C-alpha cells in the first residue's frame, strides 16, 4: 500500500547528502574516544548517531530536530523501563507484547512513528535481556544524537522535503490508516515465540533474536518472504567478511576506518536494495560492537550468535507470514461468500 506519508523516490543528490552526513557524524563520534580517552563514549555515540540519522524525518528543519529529540527520549525511556522490568518474570513479557502490538499497527506510510516504535522495542529488548545500560551508555547516546542534530541543522545538508512532519504522520494513524489487528496479533505472537525459543536453546543474546524478527515482519506476505531471504543473505555475506577481517584488526584507527566505511554504505541502499542495506548495517553493527567489546574487555562470541539469531528469527517470521497468509486467504473467502458452484448446490 502506498500511503500519503511515504517518501518520494530517493535521488542521487539525496543519497550523496545522506552519505556525507553519516561519514561526518560517525567520524566525529569516534574521534571523541581519543579526545576524552574513552572508547566507550565513542562506541555508544556512533550507535546513537546511526539511529538518529536513520530516524531523520526529512521534513522542515524544526520537525527534523524535533524528530531527533523525540527519538532520543523514546529510546532512553525504553532503556530505563527495561532495567526496571528485567527481574519481573511476567511483567516484562506483557510490556513487550503490548509495545510490539502497538508498533505493528503502524504502517510504513507513517515512517517516522513506524521506525520510532521499532527503536523503542529494540532498546526495551536489549536492556531486558542482553545489556544493562550504564552511565557511559546514556552519555554516549546523548552525544551521538546531539552530533546528528548538529549535522542535520547545517544549511549545506538541507535538501528537498520528502516526508510529512511527524505530527502529520500521527494524524494518519488517528484517522484509521493502520495495519489490521490480525497482523499485529500474529506479529506479536511471532516475536514472543522467537524470543522464547532463544531461551529454550540457551542463546547468549536472546534480545537480538527478537530485534531481527521485528525488522523482518511485514504486513505484505510476499514482500515479507523476500525480506527473509534477503536478510539471511546480507547477514551471511557480512558475517563471513567480518570474520575474515577481525583477526587482522590490531589498530583502533583501522577499526574506526572500517566503521566509517561501512556506515557510508547504509544510506546508499536505504529504501533500495535490502540485501546490500542489511550487509552494510550488519558490518557496521559488528564493527561498532567489536569496538565496545574491546573497551569492556569482552570476547568475539558476538560473531557466532549474530548469525544464529538471524536464522532463528527468520524461521519464526517465515512461519508467522504463513499464518498471516492463511488468515488473509480465509478472510478473503469469507468476504466473497460462497462460490457459484456452492450456490447451485445449495439451491438444489
C-alpha atoms as a PDB file:
ATOM      1  CA  UNK A   1       0.000   0.000   0.000  1.00  0.00           C
ATOM      2  CA  UNK A   2       1.306   3.462  -0.913  1.00  0.00           C
ATOM      3  CA  UNK A   3       0.384   5.876   1.818  1.00  0.00           C
ATOM      4  CA  UNK A   4       0.390   9.628   1.948  1.00  0.00           C
ATOM      5  CA  UNK A   5       3.375   9.678   4.270  1.00  0.00           C
ATOM      6  CA  UNK A   6       5.667   7.584   2.109  1.00  0.00           C
ATOM      7  CA  UNK A   7       8.759   9.357   0.883  1.00  0.00           C
ATOM      8  CA  UNK A   8       9.295  10.048  -2.781  1.00  0.00           C
ATOM      9  CA  UNK A   9      11.890   8.242  -4.829  1.00  0.00           C
ATOM     10  CA  UNK A  10      15.314   8.938  -3.351  1.00  0.00           C
ATOM     11  CA  UNK A  11      17.519  10.777  -5.842  1.00  0.00           C
ATOM     12  CA  UNK A  12      21.293  10.668  -6.234  1.00  0.00           C
ATOM     13  CA  UNK A  13      21.736  14.078  -4.600  1.00  0.00           C
ATOM     14  CA  UNK A  14      19.793  12.989  -1.546  1.00  0.00           C
ATOM     15  CA  UNK A  15      21.795   9.761  -1.197  1.00  0.00           C
ATOM     16  CA  UNK A  16      25.109  11.622  -1.501  1.00  0.00           C
ATOM     17  CA  UNK A  17      23.906  14.140   1.076  1.00  0.00           C
ATOM     18  CA  UNK A  18      22.877  11.364   3.468  1.00  0.00           C
ATOM     19  CA  UNK A  19      26.224   9.586   2.965  1.00  0.00           C
ATOM     20  CA  UNK A  20      28.144  12.755   3.837  1.00  0.00           C
ATOM     21  CA  UNK A  21      26.034  13.118   6.969  1.00  0.00           C
ATOM     22  CA  UNK A  22      26.850   9.578   8.056  1.00  0.00           C
ATOM     23  CA  UNK A  23      30.578   9.861   7.373  1.00  0.00           C
ATOM     24  CA  UNK A  24      30.977  13.205   9.154  1.00  0.00           C
ATOM     25  CA  UNK A  25      28.807  12.316  12.157  1.00  0.00           C
ATOM     26  CA  UNK A  26      30.211   8.818  12.744  1.00  0.00           C
ATOM     27  CA  UNK A  27      33.808  10.019  12.269  1.00  0.00           C
ATOM     28  CA  UNK A  28      33.268  12.801  14.811  1.00  0.00           C
ATOM     29  CA  UNK A  29      31.698  10.363  17.275  1.00  0.00           C
ATOM     30  CA  UNK A  30      34.709   8.046  17.093  1.00  0.00           C
ATOM     31  CA  UNK A  31      37.184  10.923  17.360  1.00  0.00           C
ATOM     32  CA  UNK A  32      35.659  11.760  20.735  1.00  0.00           C
ATOM     33  CA  UNK A  33      37.094   8.467  22.008  1.00  0.00           C
ATOM     34  CA  UNK A  34      40.590   9.826  21.559  1.00  0.00           C
ATOM     35  CA  UNK A  35      39.737  13.324  22.739  1.00  0.00           C
ATOM     36  CA  UNK A  36      38.242  12.116  26.036  1.00  0.00           C
ATOM     37  CA  UNK A  37      40.265   8.879  26.261  1.00  0.00           C
ATOM     38  CA  UNK A  38      37.045   6.872  26.435  1.00  0.00           C
ATOM     39  CA  UNK A  39      36.408   4.239  23.746  1.00  0.00           C
ATOM     40  CA  UNK A  40      33.023   3.529  25.369  1.00  0.00           C
ATOM     41  CA  UNK A  41      31.919   7.106  24.699  1.00  0.00           C
ATOM     42  CA  UNK A  42      32.871   6.896  21.024  1.00  0.00           C
ATOM     43  CA  UNK A  43      31.249   3.498  20.526  1.00  0.00           C
ATOM     44  CA  UNK A  44      27.900   4.446  22.063  1.00  0.00           C
ATOM     45  CA  UNK A  45      27.977   7.826  20.321  1.00  0.00           C
ATOM     46  CA  UNK A  46      28.453   6.037  16.991  1.00  0.00           C
ATOM     47  CA  UNK A  47      25.419   3.825  17.690  1.00  0.00           C
ATOM     48  CA  UNK A  48      23.340   6.815  18.789  1.00  0.00           C
ATOM     49  CA  UNK A  49      24.276   8.860  15.728  1.00  0.00           C
ATOM     50  CA  UNK A  50      23.458   5.895  13.483  1.00  0.00           C
ATOM     51  CA  UNK A  51      19.938   5.641  14.932  1.00  0.00           C
ATOM     52  CA  UNK A  52      19.360   9.395  14.887  1.00  0.00           C
ATOM     53  CA  UNK A  53      20.372   9.779  11.241  1.00  0.00           C
ATOM     54  CA  UNK A  54      18.121   6.914  10.159  1.00  0.00           C
ATOM     55  CA  UNK A  55      15.193   8.456  12.035  1.00  0.00           C
ATOM     56  CA  UNK A  56      15.556  11.790  10.188  1.00  0.00           C
ATOM     57  CA  UNK A  57      12.049  12.926   9.234  1.00  0.00           C
ATOM     58  CA  UNK A  58      13.358  14.609   6.053  1.00  0.00           C
ATOM     59  CA  UNK A  59      10.821  17.381   6.523  1.00  0.00           C
ATOM     60  CA  UNK A  60      11.339  21.011   7.585  1.00  0.00           C
ATOM     61  CA  UNK A  61      14.167  21.818   9.980  1.00  0.00           C
ATOM     62  CA  UNK A  62      12.057  22.172  13.151  1.00  0.00           C
ATOM     63  CA  UNK A  63      10.378  18.821  12.510  1.00  0.00           C
ATOM     64  CA  UNK A  64      13.712  17.144  11.837  1.00  0.00           C
ATOM     65  CA  UNK A  65      15.282  18.364  15.067  1.00  0.00           C
ATOM     66  CA  UNK A  66      12.081  17.582  16.939  1.00  0.00           C
ATOM     67  CA  UNK A  67      12.138  14.080  15.481  1.00  0.00           C
ATOM     68  CA  UNK A  68      15.677  13.506  16.759  1.00  0.00           C
ATOM     69  CA  UNK A  69      14.652  14.711  20.235  1.00  0.00           C
ATOM     70  CA  UNK A  70      11.510  12.540  20.300  1.00  0.00           C
ATOM     71  CA  UNK A  71      13.532   9.500  19.214  1.00  0.00           C
ATOM     72  CA  UNK A  72      16.178  10.081  21.899  1.00  0.00           C
ATOM     73  CA  UNK A  73      13.611  10.494  24.684  1.00  0.00           C
ATOM     74  CA  UNK A  74      11.735   7.407  23.481  1.00  0.00           C
ATOM     75  CA  UNK A  75      14.734   5.074  23.401  1.00  0.00           C
ATOM     76  CA  UNK A  76      16.152   6.327  26.711  1.00  0.00           C
ATOM     77  CA  UNK A  77      12.806   5.822  28.441  1.00  0.00           C
ATOM     78  CA  UNK A  78      12.602   2.342  26.887  1.00  0.00           C
ATOM     79  CA  UNK A  79      16.078   1.509  28.186  1.00  0.00           C
ATOM     80  CA  UNK A  80      15.188   2.657  31.710  1.00  0.00           C
ATOM     81  CA  UNK A  81      11.910   0.738  31.577  1.00  0.00           C
ATOM     82  CA  UNK A  82      13.838  -2.350  30.506  1.00  0.00           C
ATOM     83  CA  UNK A  83      16.098  -2.076  33.541  1.00  0.00           C
ATOM     84  CA  UNK A  84      13.037  -1.864  35.801  1.00  0.00           C
ATOM     85  CA  UNK A  85      11.374  -4.851  34.111  1.00  0.00           C
ATOM     86  CA  UNK A  86      14.486  -7.035  33.934  1.00  0.00           C
ATOM     87  CA  UNK A  87      13.630  -9.066  37.050  1.00  0.00           C
ATOM     88  CA  UNK A  88       9.846  -9.074  36.580  1.00  0.00           C
ATOM     89  CA  UNK A  89       9.199 -12.517  35.168  1.00  0.00           C
ATOM     90  CA  UNK A  90       5.722 -11.892  33.766  1.00  0.00           C
ATOM     91  CA  UNK A  91       5.629  -8.106  33.652  1.00  0.00           C
ATOM     92  CA  UNK A  92       8.391  -7.824  31.058  1.00  0.00           C
ATOM     93  CA  UNK A  93       6.668 -10.218  28.659  1.00  0.00           C
ATOM     94  CA  UNK A  94       3.394  -8.342  28.983  1.00  0.00           C
ATOM     95  CA  UNK A  95       5.036  -4.979  28.243  1.00  0.00           C
ATOM     96  CA  UNK A  96       6.980  -6.403  25.288  1.00  0.00           C
ATOM     97  CA  UNK A  97       3.773  -7.862  23.849  1.00  0.00           C
ATOM     98  CA  UNK A  98       1.860  -4.572  24.268  1.00  0.00           C
ATOM     99  CA  UNK A  99       4.624  -2.465  22.698  1.00  0.00           C
ATOM    100  CA  UNK A 100       5.048  -4.939  19.835  1.00  0.00           C
ATOM    101  CA  UNK A 101       1.296  -4.993  19.202  1.00  0.00           C
ATOM    102  CA  UNK A 102       1.139  -1.202  19.068  1.00  0.00           C
ATOM    103  CA  UNK A 103       4.180  -0.890  16.823  1.00  0.00           C
ATOM    104  CA  UNK A 104       2.803  -3.372  14.313  1.00  0.00           C
ATOM    105  CA  UNK A 105      -0.418  -1.398  13.955  1.00  0.00           C
ATOM    106  CA  UNK A 106       1.581   1.486  12.451  1.00  0.00           C
ATOM    107  CA  UNK A 107       2.137   1.278   8.685  1.00  0.00           C
ATOM    108  CA  UNK A 108       5.201   2.373   6.728  1.00  0.00           C
ATOM    109  CA  UNK A 109       3.124   5.318   5.494  1.00  0.00           C
ATOM    110  CA  UNK A 110       3.850   6.808   8.931  1.00  0.00           C
ATOM    111  CA  UNK A 111       7.565   6.137   8.513  1.00  0.00           C
ATOM    112  CA  UNK A 112       8.805   8.188  11.462  1.00  0.00           C
ATOM    113  CA  UNK A 113       6.497   6.555  14.016  1.00  0.00           C
ATOM    114  CA  UNK A 114       6.948   3.137  12.373  1.00  0.00           C
ATOM    115  CA  UNK A 115      10.707   3.398  12.943  1.00  0.00           C
ATOM    116  CA  UNK A 116      10.296   5.086  16.334  1.00  0.00           C
ATOM    117  CA  UNK A 117       8.265   2.137  17.595  1.00  0.00           C
ATOM    118  CA  UNK A 118      10.923  -0.293  16.405  1.00  0.00           C
ATOM    119  CA  UNK A 119      13.686   1.685  18.137  1.00  0.00           C
ATOM    120  CA  UNK A 120      11.733   1.736  21.392  1.00  0.00           C
ATOM    121  CA  UNK A 121      11.207  -2.020  21.234  1.00  0.00           C
ATOM    122  CA  UNK A 122      14.874  -2.592  20.338  1.00  0.00           C
ATOM    123  CA  UNK A 123      16.080  -0.722  23.436  1.00  0.00           C
ATOM    124  CA  UNK A 124      13.487  -2.464  25.563  1.00  0.00           C
ATOM    125  CA  UNK A 125      14.657  -5.898  24.391  1.00  0.00           C
ATOM    126  CA  UNK A 126      18.357  -5.134  24.769  1.00  0.00           C
ATOM    127  CA  UNK A 127      18.062  -3.663  28.263  1.00  0.00           C
ATOM    128  CA  UNK A 128      15.831  -6.518  29.472  1.00  0.00           C
ATOM    129  CA  UNK A 129      17.670  -9.497  28.004  1.00  0.00           C
ATOM    130  CA  UNK A 130      21.174  -8.511  26.906  1.00  0.00           C
ATOM    131  CA  UNK A 131      22.930  -5.408  28.196  1.00  0.00           C
ATOM    132  CA  UNK A 132      22.164  -3.317  31.262  1.00  0.00           C
ATOM    133  CA  UNK A 133      22.962   0.256  30.185  1.00  0.00           C
ATOM    134  CA  UNK A 134      25.423   2.167  32.356  1.00  0.00           C
ATOM    135  CA  UNK A 135      26.004   5.911  32.679  1.00  0.00           C
ATOM    136  CA  UNK A 136      28.508   5.949  29.822  1.00  0.00           C
ATOM    137  CA  UNK A 137      25.928   4.349  27.515  1.00  0.00           C
ATOM    138  CA  UNK A 138      23.431   7.136  28.256  1.00  0.00           C
ATOM    139  CA  UNK A 139      26.093   9.840  27.828  1.00  0.00           C
ATOM    140  CA  UNK A 140      27.332   8.253  24.591  1.00  0.00           C
ATOM    141  CA  UNK A 141      23.868   8.049  23.070  1.00  0.00           C
ATOM    142  CA  UNK A 142      23.154  11.650  24.071  1.00  0.00           C
ATOM    143  CA  UNK A 143      26.373  12.773  22.366  1.00  0.00           C
ATOM    144  CA  UNK A 144      25.564  10.705  19.262  1.00  0.00           C
ATOM    145  CA  UNK A 145      22.052  12.127  18.941  1.00  0.00           C
ATOM    146  CA  UNK A 146      23.406  15.643  19.551  1.00  0.00           C
ATOM    147  CA  UNK A 147      26.003  15.260  16.811  1.00  0.00           C
ATOM    148  CA  UNK A 148      23.310  14.088  14.416  1.00  0.00           C
ATOM    149  CA  UNK A 149      21.167  17.107  15.309  1.00  0.00           C
ATOM    150  CA  UNK A 150      24.086  19.462  14.631  1.00  0.00           C
ATOM    151  CA  UNK A 151      24.762  17.887  11.239  1.00  0.00           C
ATOM    152  CA  UNK A 152      21.068  17.973  10.303  1.00  0.00           C
ATOM    153  CA  UNK A 153      20.901  21.658  11.285  1.00  0.00           C
ATOM    154  CA  UNK A 154      23.570  22.822   8.837  1.00  0.00           C
ATOM    155  CA  UNK A 155      22.180  24.530   5.744  1.00  0.00           C
ATOM    156  CA  UNK A 156      24.701  22.776   3.476  1.00  0.00           C
ATOM    157  CA  UNK A 157      22.966  19.427   4.029  1.00  0.00           C
ATOM    158  CA  UNK A 158      19.370  20.541   3.546  1.00  0.00           C
ATOM    159  CA  UNK A 159      17.636  19.062   0.535  1.00  0.00           C
ATOM    160  CA  UNK A 160      14.133  18.519  -0.802  1.00  0.00           C
ATOM    161  CA  UNK A 161      11.376  17.669   1.655  1.00  0.00           C
ATOM    162  CA  UNK A 162      10.480  14.027   1.080  1.00  0.00           C
ATOM    163  CA  UNK A 163       8.202  13.191   4.025  1.00  0.00           C
ATOM    164  CA  UNK A 164       5.357  14.553   6.098  1.00  0.00           C
ATOM    165  CA  UNK A 165       6.011  16.055   9.523  1.00  0.00           C
ATOM    166  CA  UNK A 166       5.818  13.577  12.448  1.00  0.00           C
ATOM    167  CA  UNK A 167       2.603  15.136  13.753  1.00  0.00           C
ATOM    168  CA  UNK A 168       1.020  14.943  10.296  1.00  0.00           C
ATOM    169  CA  UNK A 169       2.004  11.282  10.100  1.00  0.00           C
ATOM    170  CA  UNK A 170       0.477  10.687  13.539  1.00  0.00           C
ATOM    171  CA  UNK A 171      -2.834  12.091  12.278  1.00  0.00           C
ATOM    172  CA  UNK A 172      -2.843   9.383   9.601  1.00  0.00           C
ATOM    173  CA  UNK A 173      -2.765   6.759  12.367  1.00  0.00           C
ATOM    174  CA  UNK A 174      -5.506   8.542  14.295  1.00  0.00           C
ATOM    175  CA  UNK A 175      -7.557   8.697  11.082  1.00  0.00           C
ATOM    176  CA  UNK A 176      -7.552   4.895  10.798  1.00  0.00           C
ATOM    177  CA  UNK A 177      -4.603   4.361   8.461  1.00  0.00           C
ATOM    178  CA  UNK A 178      -3.146   1.332  10.235  1.00  0.00           C
ATOM    179  CA  UNK A 179      -2.424  -2.364   9.817  1.00  0.00           C
ATOM    180  CA  UNK A 180      -5.040  -4.939  10.747  1.00  0.00           C
ATOM    181  CA  UNK A 181      -5.389  -6.196  14.307  1.00  0.00           C
ATOM    182  CA  UNK A 182      -4.830  -9.724  12.972  1.00  0.00           C
ATOM    183  CA  UNK A 183      -1.426  -8.730  11.606  1.00  0.00           C
ATOM    184  CA  UNK A 184      -0.484  -7.065  14.895  1.00  0.00           C
ATOM    185  CA  UNK A 185      -1.524 -10.142  16.900  1.00  0.00           C
ATOM    186  CA  UNK A 186       0.302 -12.580  14.591  1.00  0.00           C
ATOM    187  CA  UNK A 187       3.437 -10.396  14.597  1.00  0.00           C
ATOM    188  CA  UNK A 188       3.414 -10.134  18.384  1.00  0.00           C
ATOM    189  CA  UNK A 189       2.979 -13.896  18.769  1.00  0.00           C
ATOM    190  CA  UNK A 190       5.814 -14.485  16.281  1.00  0.00           C
ATOM    191  CA  UNK A 191       8.212 -12.245  18.185  1.00  0.00           C
ATOM    192  CA  UNK A 192       7.312 -13.778  21.557  1.00  0.00           C
ATOM    193  CA  UNK A 193       7.779 -17.307  20.152  1.00  0.00           C
ATOM    194  CA  UNK A 194      11.163 -16.355  18.649  1.00  0.00           C
ATOM    195  CA  UNK A 195      12.306 -14.920  21.987  1.00  0.00           C
ATOM    196  CA  UNK A 196      11.050 -17.952  23.913  1.00  0.00           C
ATOM    197  CA  UNK A 197      12.857 -20.290  21.527  1.00  0.00           C
ATOM    198  CA  UNK A 198      16.111 -18.393  22.029  1.00  0.00           C
ATOM    199  CA  UNK A 199      15.840 -19.138  25.759  1.00  0.00           C
ATOM    200  CA  UNK A 200      14.990 -22.757  25.047  1.00  0.00           C
ATOM    201  CA  UNK A 201      18.218 -23.143  23.071  1.00  0.00           C
ATOM    202  CA  UNK A 202      20.173 -21.021  25.579  1.00  0.00           C
ATOM    203  CA  UNK A 203      21.206 -18.226  23.217  1.00  0.00           C
ATOM    204  CA  UNK A 204      23.706 -15.865  24.826  1.00  0.00           C
ATOM    205  CA  UNK A 205      21.984 -12.744  23.425  1.00  0.00           C
ATOM    206  CA  UNK A 206      18.256 -13.559  23.129  1.00  0.00           C
ATOM    207  CA  UNK A 207      17.226  -9.948  22.656  1.00  0.00           C
ATOM    208  CA  UNK A 208      18.848  -9.894  19.219  1.00  0.00           C
ATOM    209  CA  UNK A 209      16.589 -12.704  18.049  1.00  0.00           C
ATOM    210  CA  UNK A 210      13.586 -10.518  18.839  1.00  0.00           C
ATOM    211  CA  UNK A 211      15.190  -7.499  17.163  1.00  0.00           C
ATOM    212  CA  UNK A 212      15.867  -9.450  13.974  1.00  0.00           C
ATOM    213  CA  UNK A 213      12.302 -10.773  13.914  1.00  0.00           C
ATOM    214  CA  UNK A 214      10.990  -7.242  14.466  1.00  0.00           C
ATOM    215  CA  UNK A 215      12.693  -5.925  11.332  1.00  0.00           C
ATOM    216  CA  UNK A 216      11.710  -8.920   9.192  1.00  0.00           C
ATOM    217  CA  UNK A 217       7.983  -8.787   9.955  1.00  0.00           C
ATOM    218  CA  UNK A 218       5.971  -7.361   7.071  1.00  0.00           C
ATOM    219  CA  UNK A 219       2.248  -6.878   6.504  1.00  0.00           C
ATOM    220  CA  UNK A 220       2.787  -7.876   2.867  1.00  0.00           C
ATOM    221  CA  UNK A 221       3.341 -11.649   2.854  1.00  0.00           C
ATOM    222  CA  UNK A 222       5.213 -11.808  -0.465  1.00  0.00           C
ATOM    223  CA  UNK A 223       7.465  -8.891   0.489  1.00  0.00           C
ATOM    224  CA  UNK A 224       7.982 -10.442   3.916  1.00  0.00           C
ATOM    225  CA  UNK A 225       9.263 -13.742   2.499  1.00  0.00           C
ATOM    226  CA  UNK A 226      11.516 -11.832   0.112  1.00  0.00           C
ATOM    227  CA  UNK A 227      12.965  -9.884   3.018  1.00  0.00           C
ATOM    228  CA  UNK A 228      13.609 -13.057   4.995  1.00  0.00           C
ATOM    229  CA  UNK A 229      15.785 -14.391   2.172  1.00  0.00           C
ATOM    230  CA  UNK A 230      17.495 -11.032   1.620  1.00  0.00           C
ATOM    231  CA  UNK A 231      18.137 -10.586   5.341  1.00  0.00           C
ATOM    232  CA  UNK A 232      19.779 -14.007   5.634  1.00  0.00           C
ATOM    233  CA  UNK A 233      21.878 -13.399   2.516  1.00  0.00           C
ATOM    234  CA  UNK A 234      23.002  -9.927   3.599  1.00  0.00           C
ATOM    235  CA  UNK A 235      23.837 -11.108   7.126  1.00  0.00           C
ATOM    236  CA  UNK A 236      25.767 -14.150   5.894  1.00  0.00           C
ATOM    237  CA  UNK A 237      27.836 -12.063   3.482  1.00  0.00           C
ATOM    238  CA  UNK A 238      28.633  -9.534   6.206  1.00  0.00           C
ATOM    239  CA  UNK A 239      29.349 -12.286   8.724  1.00  0.00           C
ATOM    240  CA  UNK A 240      31.913 -14.033   6.532  1.00  0.00           C
ATOM    241  CA  UNK A 241      33.567 -10.758   5.553  1.00  0.00           C
ATOM    242  CA  UNK A 242      33.866  -9.576   9.149  1.00  0.00           C
ATOM    243  CA  UNK A 243      35.085 -12.935  10.463  1.00  0.00           C
ATOM    244  CA  UNK A 244      37.877 -12.846   7.863  1.00  0.00           C
ATOM    245  CA  UNK A 245      38.856  -9.294   8.796  1.00  0.00           C
ATOM    246  CA  UNK A 246      38.592  -9.426  12.604  1.00  0.00           C
ATOM    247  CA  UNK A 247      41.769 -11.435  13.323  1.00  0.00           C
ATOM    248  CA  UNK A 248      43.841  -8.863  11.429  1.00  0.00           C
ATOM    249  CA  UNK A 249      42.492  -5.736  13.138  1.00  0.00           C
ATOM    250  CA  UNK A 250      45.076  -4.714  15.708  1.00  0.00           C
ATOM    251  CA  UNK A 251      44.773  -0.945  15.467  1.00  0.00           C
ATOM    252  CA  UNK A 252      41.873   1.251  16.538  1.00  0.00           C
ATOM    253  CA  UNK A 253      42.433   3.555  13.598  1.00  0.00           C
ATOM    254  CA  UNK A 254      41.878   0.662  11.213  1.00  0.00           C
ATOM    255  CA  UNK A 255      38.753  -0.445  13.097  1.00  0.00           C
ATOM    256  CA  UNK A 256      37.484   3.144  13.117  1.00  0.00           C
ATOM    257  CA  UNK A 257      38.055   3.426   9.361  1.00  0.00           C
ATOM    258  CA  UNK A 258      36.061   0.220   8.806  1.00  0.00           C
ATOM    259  CA  UNK A 259      33.205   1.566  10.954  1.00  0.00           C
ATOM    260  CA  UNK A 260      33.062   4.786   8.936  1.00  0.00           C
ATOM    261  CA  UNK A 261      33.349   2.942   5.609  1.00  0.00           C
ATOM    262  CA  UNK A 262      30.505   0.566   6.473  1.00  0.00           C
ATOM    263  CA  UNK A 263      28.339   3.469   7.674  1.00  0.00           C
ATOM    264  CA  UNK A 264      28.808   5.181   4.319  1.00  0.00           C
ATOM    265  CA  UNK A 265      27.186   2.247   2.526  1.00  0.00           C
ATOM    266  CA  UNK A 266      23.986   2.330   4.603  1.00  0.00           C
ATOM    267  CA  UNK A 267      22.303   5.464   3.163  1.00  0.00           C
ATOM    268  CA  UNK A 268      23.285   4.427  -0.343  1.00  0.00           C
ATOM    269  CA  UNK A 269      20.980   1.399  -0.181  1.00  0.00           C
ATOM    270  CA  UNK A 270      18.270   2.529   2.272  1.00  0.00           C
ATOM    271  CA  UNK A 271      14.936   2.254   0.501  1.00  0.00           C
ATOM    272  CA  UNK A 272      16.603   0.360  -2.332  1.00  0.00           C
ATOM    273  CA  UNK A 273      18.478  -2.940  -2.271  1.00  0.00           C
ATOM    274  CA  UNK A 274      17.536  -4.596   1.034  1.00  0.00           C
ATOM    275  CA  UNK A 275      20.293  -7.230   0.818  1.00  0.00           C
ATOM    276  CA  UNK A 276      23.018  -4.597   0.424  1.00  0.00           C
ATOM    277  CA  UNK A 277      21.492  -2.433   3.147  1.00  0.00           C
ATOM    278  CA  UNK A 278      21.442  -5.432   5.509  1.00  0.00           C
ATOM    279  CA  UNK A 279      25.046  -6.210   4.572  1.00  0.00           C
ATOM    280  CA  UNK A 280      26.318  -2.725   5.450  1.00  0.00           C
ATOM    281  CA  UNK A 281      24.202  -2.398   8.604  1.00  0.00           C
ATOM    282  CA  UNK A 282      25.401  -5.804   9.843  1.00  0.00           C
ATOM    283  CA  UNK A 283      29.028  -4.872   9.131  1.00  0.00           C
ATOM    284  CA  UNK A 284      28.556  -1.547  10.897  1.00  0.00           C
ATOM    285  CA  UNK A 285      26.927  -3.055  13.987  1.00  0.00           C
ATOM    286  CA  UNK A 286      29.527  -5.815  14.264  1.00  0.00           C
ATOM    287  CA  UNK A 287      32.445  -3.390  13.890  1.00  0.00           C
ATOM    288  CA  UNK A 288      30.998  -0.960  16.472  1.00  0.00           C
ATOM    289  CA  UNK A 289      30.225  -3.777  18.909  1.00  0.00           C
ATOM    290  CA  UNK A 290      33.794  -5.030  18.446  1.00  0.00           C
ATOM    291  CA  UNK A 291      34.950  -1.514  19.328  1.00  0.00           C
ATOM    292  CA  UNK A 292      32.843  -1.630  22.504  1.00  0.00           C
ATOM    293  CA  UNK A 293      33.856  -5.190  23.378  1.00  0.00           C
ATOM    294  CA  UNK A 294      37.498  -4.159  23.294  1.00  0.00           C
ATOM    295  CA  UNK A 295      36.628  -1.249  25.591  1.00  0.00           C
ATOM    296  CA  UNK A 296      34.809  -3.542  28.040  1.00  0.00           C
ATOM    297  CA  UNK A 297      37.291  -6.397  27.736  1.00  0.00           C
ATOM    298  CA  UNK A 298      34.861  -8.777  26.002  1.00  0.00           C
ATOM    299  CA  UNK A 299      35.451 -11.586  23.535  1.00  0.00           C
ATOM    300  CA  UNK A 300      34.417 -12.309  19.959  1.00  0.00           C
ATOM    301  CA  UNK A 301      31.474 -14.625  20.654  1.00  0.00           C
ATOM    302  CA  UNK A 302      29.260 -11.989  19.063  1.00  0.00           C
ATOM    303  CA  UNK A 303      30.224 -13.371  15.657  1.00  0.00           C
ATOM    304  CA  UNK A 304      28.654 -16.721  16.467  1.00  0.00           C
ATOM    305  CA  UNK A 305      25.329 -15.580  17.901  1.00  0.00           C
ATOM    306  CA  UNK A 306      24.836 -12.849  15.286  1.00  0.00           C
ATOM    307  CA  UNK A 307      24.334 -15.456  12.569  1.00  0.00           C
ATOM    308  CA  UNK A 308      22.303 -17.838  14.725  1.00  0.00           C
ATOM    309  CA  UNK A 309      19.888 -15.138  15.882  1.00  0.00           C
ATOM    310  CA  UNK A 310      19.214 -14.270  12.239  1.00  0.00           C
ATOM    311  CA  UNK A 311      18.436 -17.869  11.309  1.00  0.00           C
ATOM    312  CA  UNK A 312      16.241 -18.398  14.371  1.00  0.00           C
ATOM    313  CA  UNK A 313      14.271 -15.192  13.806  1.00  0.00           C
ATOM    314  CA  UNK A 314      13.964 -15.828  10.061  1.00  0.00           C
ATOM    315  CA  UNK A 315      12.462 -19.257  10.707  1.00  0.00           C
ATOM    316  CA  UNK A 316       9.810 -17.907  13.057  1.00  0.00           C
ATOM    317  CA  UNK A 317       8.996 -14.965  10.774  1.00  0.00           C
ATOM    318  CA  UNK A 318       8.567 -17.355   7.839  1.00  0.00           C
ATOM    319  CA  UNK A 319       6.118 -19.347   9.968  1.00  0.00           C
ATOM    320  CA  UNK A 320       4.306 -16.183  11.080  1.00  0.00           C
ATOM    321  CA  UNK A 321       3.975 -14.992   7.484  1.00  0.00           C
ATOM    322  CA  UNK A 322       2.481 -18.372   6.611  1.00  0.00           C
ATOM    323  CA  UNK A 323      -0.133 -17.953   9.337  1.00  0.00           C
ATOM    324  CA  UNK A 324      -0.862 -14.418   8.065  1.00  0.00           C
ATOM    325  CA  UNK A 325      -1.276 -15.735   4.516  1.00  0.00           C
ATOM    326  CA  UNK A 326      -3.773 -18.385   5.652  1.00  0.00           C
ATOM    327  CA  UNK A 327      -5.694 -15.819   7.698  1.00  0.00           C
ATOM    328  CA  UNK A 328      -5.904 -13.367   4.785  1.00  0.00           C
ATOM    329  CA  UNK A 329      -6.996 -16.179   2.483  1.00  0.00           C
ATOM    330  CA  UNK A 330      -9.719 -17.185   4.950  1.00  0.00           C
ATOM    331  CA  UNK A 331     -10.863 -13.582   5.333  1.00  0.00           C
ATOM    332  CA  UNK A 332     -10.978 -13.081   1.574  1.00  0.00           C
ATOM    333  CA  UNK A 333     -13.029 -16.232   1.128  1.00  0.00           C
ATOM    334  CA  UNK A 334     -15.414 -15.191   3.903  1.00  0.00           C
ATOM    335  CA  UNK A 335     -15.812 -11.734   2.374  1.00  0.00           C
ATOM    336  CA  UNK A 336     -16.512 -13.021  -1.141  1.00  0.00           C
ATOM    337  CA  UNK A 337     -19.075 -15.501   0.143  1.00  0.00           C
ATOM    338  CA  UNK A 338     -19.830 -18.920  -1.373  1.00  0.00           C
ATOM    339  CA  UNK A 339     -18.731 -19.683  -4.920  1.00  0.00           C
ATOM    340  CA  UNK A 340     -21.232 -20.018  -7.757  1.00  0.00           C
ATOM    341  CA  UNK A 341     -20.869 -23.813  -7.676  1.00  0.00           C
ATOM    342  CA  UNK A 342     -21.596 -23.916  -3.935  1.00  0.00           C
ATOM    343  CA  UNK A 343     -24.620 -21.641  -4.513  1.00  0.00           C
ATOM    344  CA  UNK A 344     -26.062 -24.011  -7.136  1.00  0.00           C
ATOM    345  CA  UNK A 345     -25.624 -26.979  -4.795  1.00  0.00           C
ATOM    346  CA  UNK A 346     -27.456 -25.105  -2.038  1.00  0.00           C
ATOM    347  CA  UNK A 347     -30.383 -24.344  -4.395  1.00  0.00           C
ATOM    348  CA  UNK A 348     -30.717 -27.989  -5.359  1.00  0.00           C
END
